[in-house]
Amino acid sequence: MAHRILIVDDAAFMRMMIKDILSKNGYDVVAEAADGQQAVEKYQEHQPDLVTMDITMPEMDGIAALKEIKKINPAAKIIMCSAMGQQAMVIDAIQAGAKDFIVKPFQADRVLEAISKTLS
């Protein structure tokens, strides 16, 4: 059965890019969210196997959403997506329970490597 993934990014273009990479490689994108608040709601609704989470978003940022999702499911698998130069935030995310991180612009092989490693 295909792994179910929730994509969270405030940029529709970034969601589309990552969805394209995942769909072409047999993953099932069950939902998308444009901010952290939506991410938490969609996580509860769909219970995906993995979440790709942008760090910088309006309403609720990725780190706050990560912490909320971890309260719902401590075993949640979340990979953070960050732009270059966000190392301090990436460290905060890893300490809060993120499994890995990928840097924008996305490289398909790096995205797939992070996801397969996190799901195994």
Protein backbone atom coordinates (compact mmCIF):
# COMPACT_ATOMS: atom_id res chain seq x y z
CA MET A 1 0.00 0.00 0.00
CA ALA A 2 1.31 3.45 -0.87
CA HIS A 3 2.48 5.61 2.01
CA ARG A 4 0.08 8.49 2.72
CA ILE A 5 1.63 11.95 2.88
CA LEU A 6 0.45 15.41 3.97
CA ILE A 7 2.24 18.33 2.29
CA VAL A 8 2.37 21.61 4.22
CA ASP A 9 3.71 24.81 2.61
CA ASP A 10 2.27 28.31 2.29
CA ALA A 11 3.48 28.47 -1.34
CA ALA A 12 1.17 26.60 -3.72
CA PHE A 13 4.04 26.26 -6.19
CA MET A 14 6.19 24.44 -3.59
CA ARG A 15 3.30 22.12 -2.71
CA MET A 16 2.84 21.36 -6.38
CA MET A 17 6.56 20.62 -6.85
CA ILE A 18 6.77 18.23 -3.93
CA LYS A 19 3.44 16.59 -4.81
CA ASP A 20 4.72 15.98 -8.33
CA ILE A 21 7.93 14.32 -7.03
CA LEU A 22 5.96 12.13 -4.61
CA SER A 23 3.16 11.14 -6.99
CA LYS A 24 5.64 10.09 -9.68
CA ASN A 25 7.35 7.84 -7.15
CA GLY A 26 4.32 5.97 -5.87
CA TYR A 27 3.40 8.00 -2.79
CA ASP A 28 -0.20 8.94 -2.06
CA VAL A 29 -0.60 12.65 -1.26
CA VAL A 30 -3.73 12.58 0.91
CA ALA A 31 -3.93 16.29 1.71
CA GLU A 32 -2.24 19.66 1.47
CA ALA A 33 -2.20 22.56 3.91
CA ALA A 34 -1.11 26.19 3.47
CA ASP A 35 -0.33 26.98 7.13
CA GLY A 36 0.39 25.31 10.45
CA GLN A 37 -3.19 25.51 11.72
CA GLN A 38 -4.48 23.73 8.61
CA ALA A 39 -1.66 21.21 8.96
CA VAL A 40 -2.80 20.19 12.45
CA GLU A 41 -6.45 19.88 11.28
CA LYS A 42 -5.53 17.87 8.17
CA TYR A 43 -3.23 15.64 10.23
CA GLN A 44 -6.09 14.77 12.60
CA GLU A 45 -8.47 14.22 9.69
CA HIS A 46 -6.21 12.05 7.49
CA GLN A 47 -3.65 10.50 9.91
CA PRO A 48 -0.94 10.41 7.20
CA ASP A 49 2.19 8.24 7.44
CA LEU A 50 4.41 11.28 6.94
CA VAL A 51 4.23 15.08 6.83
CA THR A 52 6.47 17.45 4.86
CA MET A 53 6.33 20.73 6.79
CA ASP A 54 7.53 24.16 5.70
CA ILE A 55 9.14 26.05 8.59
CA THR A 56 8.11 29.64 7.77
CA MET A 57 4.35 30.09 7.31
CA PRO A 58 1.60 32.54 8.33
CA GLU A 59 -0.88 31.83 11.16
CA MET A 60 1.17 29.08 12.82
CA ASP A 61 4.73 28.31 11.77
CA GLY A 62 6.03 24.83 11.03
CA ILE A 63 7.73 24.34 14.38
CA ALA A 64 4.55 25.21 16.33
CA ALA A 65 2.54 22.88 14.05
CA LEU A 66 5.15 20.13 14.53
CA LYS A 67 4.75 20.42 18.32
CA GLU A 68 0.93 20.31 18.05
CA ILE A 69 1.03 17.23 15.80
CA LYS A 70 3.46 15.53 18.19
CA LYS A 71 0.91 16.12 20.99
CA ILE A 72 -1.73 14.32 18.89
CA ASN A 73 0.65 11.52 17.89
CA PRO A 74 4.10 11.34 19.51
CA ALA A 75 5.16 8.88 16.78
CA ALA A 76 4.27 11.26 13.92
CA LYS A 77 6.92 11.36 11.18
CA ILE A 78 7.59 14.92 10.06
CA ILE A 79 10.23 16.20 7.65
CA MET A 80 10.88 19.94 7.74
CA CYS A 81 11.38 21.97 4.56
CA SER A 82 13.53 25.06 4.88
CA ALA A 83 15.10 27.70 2.73
CA MET A 84 18.85 28.18 2.89
CA GLY A 85 19.99 30.11 5.95
CA GLN A 86 17.41 28.74 8.38
CA GLN A 87 19.83 26.48 10.27
CA ALA A 88 18.81 27.71 13.72
CA MET A 89 15.15 26.96 12.95
CA VAL A 90 16.05 23.55 11.54
CA ILE A 91 17.88 22.73 14.80
CA ASP A 92 14.79 23.84 16.79
CA ALA A 93 12.63 21.61 14.58
CA ILE A 94 14.87 18.56 15.03
CA GLN A 95 14.89 19.12 18.81
CA ALA A 96 11.08 19.35 18.71
CA GLY A 97 10.91 15.96 17.01
CA ALA A 98 11.32 16.42 13.25
CA LYS A 99 12.89 13.34 11.65
CA ASP A 100 14.83 15.09 8.87
CA PHE A 101 14.86 18.22 6.78
CA ILE A 102 15.08 19.09 3.11
CA VAL A 103 16.28 22.38 1.68
CA LYS A 104 14.52 24.43 -0.98
CA PRO A 105 14.72 24.44 -3.92
CA PHE A 106 13.82 20.76 -3.73
CA GLN A 107 16.08 18.18 -5.33
CA ALA A 108 13.91 15.16 -6.16
CA ASP A 109 16.51 12.60 -5.09
CA ARG A 110 17.06 14.33 -1.73
CA VAL A 111 13.31 14.53 -1.08
CA LEU A 112 12.87 10.83 -1.87
CA GLU A 113 15.91 9.83 0.20
CA ALA A 114 14.65 11.75 3.26
CA ILE A 115 11.17 10.26 2.91
CA SER A 116 12.24 6.65 2.38
CA LYS A 117 14.72 6.89 5.27
CA THR A 118 12.05 8.34 7.58
CA LEU A 119 9.43 5.77 6.62
CA SER A 120 11.71 2.73 6.96
